[in-house]
Amino acid sequence: MVTIRLRKAGSTNAPSFRVVAADSRSPRDGRFIEILGYYDPKKKGENYVLKQDRIDYWRGQGAVVSDSVASILRRAARAGAKAEA
């Protein structure tokens, strides 16, 4: 099963993450299928970049979204709704 989850890319005191599509059996920082975006928790304001079309594609293929990525997606949807209003 494919999972959309975070993959740690930063160092110990400067964490940053990549949003990836990966096989659920792969380790957290191990093998992945595709990079779908970035997330930097230390940055203020909009601290993520997402390829929404690719995320929608993987969700359409049956990928399961982790809780942390779901939170980022909700925040992105709210920011998009505010930009349109």
C-alpha atoms as a PDB file:
ATOM      1  CA  MET A   1       0.000   0.000   0.000  1.00  0.00           C
ATOM      2  CA  VAL A   2       1.242   3.499  -0.816  1.00  0.00           C
ATOM      3  CA  THR A   3       1.382   6.053   1.989  1.00  0.00           C
ATOM      4  CA  ILE A   4       1.838   9.819   1.712  1.00  0.00           C
ATOM      5  CA  ARG A   5       4.036  10.747   4.659  1.00  0.00           C
ATOM      6  CA  LEU A   6       6.934  12.893   5.876  1.00  0.00           C
ATOM      7  CA  ARG A   7      10.579  11.956   5.340  1.00  0.00           C
ATOM      8  CA  LYS A   8      13.154  13.693   7.548  1.00  0.00           C
ATOM      9  CA  ALA A   9      15.772  15.623   5.579  1.00  0.00           C
ATOM     10  CA  GLY A  10      17.262  18.109   8.056  1.00  0.00           C
ATOM     11  CA  SER A  11      19.790  17.806  10.829  1.00  0.00           C
ATOM     12  CA  THR A  12      19.170  17.275  14.543  1.00  0.00           C
ATOM     13  CA  ASN A  13      18.527  20.906  15.535  1.00  0.00           C
ATOM     14  CA  ALA A  14      17.259  22.076  12.145  1.00  0.00           C
ATOM     15  CA  PRO A  15      14.591  19.606  11.053  1.00  0.00           C
ATOM     16  CA  SER A  16      13.020  19.826   7.626  1.00  0.00           C
ATOM     17  CA  PHE A  17      10.892  17.251   5.906  1.00  0.00           C
ATOM     18  CA  ARG A  18       9.945  16.077   2.448  1.00  0.00           C
ATOM     19  CA  VAL A  19       6.407  14.971   1.709  1.00  0.00           C
ATOM     20  CA  VAL A  20       6.769  11.687  -0.175  1.00  0.00           C
ATOM     21  CA  ALA A  21       4.728   8.857  -1.606  1.00  0.00           C
ATOM     22  CA  ALA A  22       6.253   5.649  -0.262  1.00  0.00           C
ATOM     23  CA  ASP A  23       5.439   2.003   0.183  1.00  0.00           C
ATOM     24  CA  SER A  24       4.075   1.550   3.697  1.00  0.00           C
ATOM     25  CA  ARG A  25       6.652  -1.202   4.360  1.00  0.00           C
ATOM     26  CA  SER A  26       9.607   1.139   3.707  1.00  0.00           C
ATOM     27  CA  PRO A  27      11.361   2.792   6.662  1.00  0.00           C
ATOM     28  CA  ARG A  28      10.686   6.479   7.404  1.00  0.00           C
ATOM     29  CA  ASP A  29      13.864   7.778   5.757  1.00  0.00           C
ATOM     30  CA  GLY A  30      14.216   4.892   3.336  1.00  0.00           C
ATOM     31  CA  ARG A  31      13.022   4.183  -0.146  1.00  0.00           C
ATOM     32  CA  PHE A  32      10.234   6.303  -1.632  1.00  0.00           C
ATOM     33  CA  ILE A  33       8.368   6.553  -4.930  1.00  0.00           C
ATOM     34  CA  GLU A  34       8.050  10.307  -5.489  1.00  0.00           C
ATOM     35  CA  ILE A  35       8.698  13.620  -3.703  1.00  0.00           C
ATOM     36  CA  LEU A  36       5.434  15.536  -3.408  1.00  0.00           C
ATOM     37  CA  GLY A  37       6.572  18.614  -1.507  1.00  0.00           C
ATOM     38  CA  TYR A  38       8.544  20.091   1.366  1.00  0.00           C
ATOM     39  CA  TYR A  39       7.791  21.144   4.951  1.00  0.00           C
ATOM     40  CA  ASP A  40      10.011  23.291   7.189  1.00  0.00           C
ATOM     41  CA  PRO A  41       8.594  23.523  10.743  1.00  0.00           C
ATOM     42  CA  LYS A  42      11.119  26.182  11.867  1.00  0.00           C
ATOM     43  CA  LYS A  43      10.091  28.673   9.168  1.00  0.00           C
ATOM     44  CA  LYS A  44       7.348  31.181  10.023  1.00  0.00           C
ATOM     45  CA  GLY A  45       4.321  31.795   7.835  1.00  0.00           C
ATOM     46  CA  GLU A  46       3.759  29.457   4.909  1.00  0.00           C
ATOM     47  CA  ASN A  47       6.327  26.787   5.681  1.00  0.00           C
ATOM     48  CA  TYR A  48       5.369  24.177   3.083  1.00  0.00           C
ATOM     49  CA  VAL A  49       5.425  23.644  -0.682  1.00  0.00           C
ATOM     50  CA  LEU A  50       3.120  20.981  -2.117  1.00  0.00           C
ATOM     51  CA  LYS A  51       2.520  19.499  -5.569  1.00  0.00           C
ATOM     52  CA  GLN A  52      -1.242  19.328  -5.111  1.00  0.00           C
ATOM     53  CA  ASP A  53      -1.910  17.700  -8.503  1.00  0.00           C
ATOM     54  CA  ARG A  54       0.430  14.788  -7.696  1.00  0.00           C
ATOM     55  CA  ILE A  55      -1.035  14.407  -4.197  1.00  0.00           C
ATOM     56  CA  ASP A  56      -4.513  14.216  -5.731  1.00  0.00           C
ATOM     57  CA  TYR A  57      -3.238  11.619  -8.218  1.00  0.00           C
ATOM     58  CA  TRP A  58      -1.834   9.374  -5.482  1.00  0.00           C
ATOM     59  CA  ARG A  59      -4.965   9.744  -3.354  1.00  0.00           C
ATOM     60  CA  GLY A  60      -6.990   8.730  -6.419  1.00  0.00           C
ATOM     61  CA  GLN A  61      -4.820   5.620  -6.701  1.00  0.00           C
ATOM     62  CA  GLY A  62      -5.720   4.690  -3.107  1.00  0.00           C
ATOM     63  CA  ALA A  63      -2.777   6.126  -1.168  1.00  0.00           C
ATOM     64  CA  VAL A  64      -3.314   6.641   2.558  1.00  0.00           C
ATOM     65  CA  VAL A  65      -2.322  10.039   3.990  1.00  0.00           C
ATOM     66  CA  SER A  66      -0.536  10.165   7.361  1.00  0.00           C
ATOM     67  CA  ASP A  67      -1.944  12.341  10.151  1.00  0.00           C
ATOM     68  CA  SER A  68       0.874  14.896   9.944  1.00  0.00           C
ATOM     69  CA  VAL A  69       0.543  15.300   6.168  1.00  0.00           C
ATOM     70  CA  ALA A  70      -3.251  15.527   6.502  1.00  0.00           C
ATOM     71  CA  SER A  71      -2.726  18.457   8.879  1.00  0.00           C
ATOM     72  CA  ILE A  72      -0.497  20.220   6.327  1.00  0.00           C
ATOM     73  CA  LEU A  73      -3.046  19.567   3.570  1.00  0.00           C
ATOM     74  CA  ARG A  74      -5.855  21.067   5.692  1.00  0.00           C
ATOM     75  CA  ARG A  75      -3.713  24.157   6.318  1.00  0.00           C
ATOM     76  CA  ALA A  76      -2.989  24.450   2.583  1.00  0.00           C
ATOM     77  CA  ALA A  77      -6.702  24.142   1.764  1.00  0.00           C
ATOM     78  CA  ARG A  78      -7.556  26.913   4.244  1.00  0.00           C
ATOM     79  CA  ALA A  79      -4.851  29.162   2.806  1.00  0.00           C
ATOM     80  CA  GLY A  80      -6.167  28.492  -0.704  1.00  0.00           C
ATOM     81  CA  ALA A  81      -9.729  29.328   0.364  1.00  0.00           C
ATOM     82  CA  LYS A  82      -8.545  32.617   1.880  1.00  0.00           C
ATOM     83  CA  ALA A  83      -6.617  33.510  -1.282  1.00  0.00           C
ATOM     84  CA  GLU A  84      -9.723  32.954  -3.432  1.00  0.00           C
ATOM     85  CA  ALA A  85     -12.001  34.998  -1.156  1.00  0.00           C
END
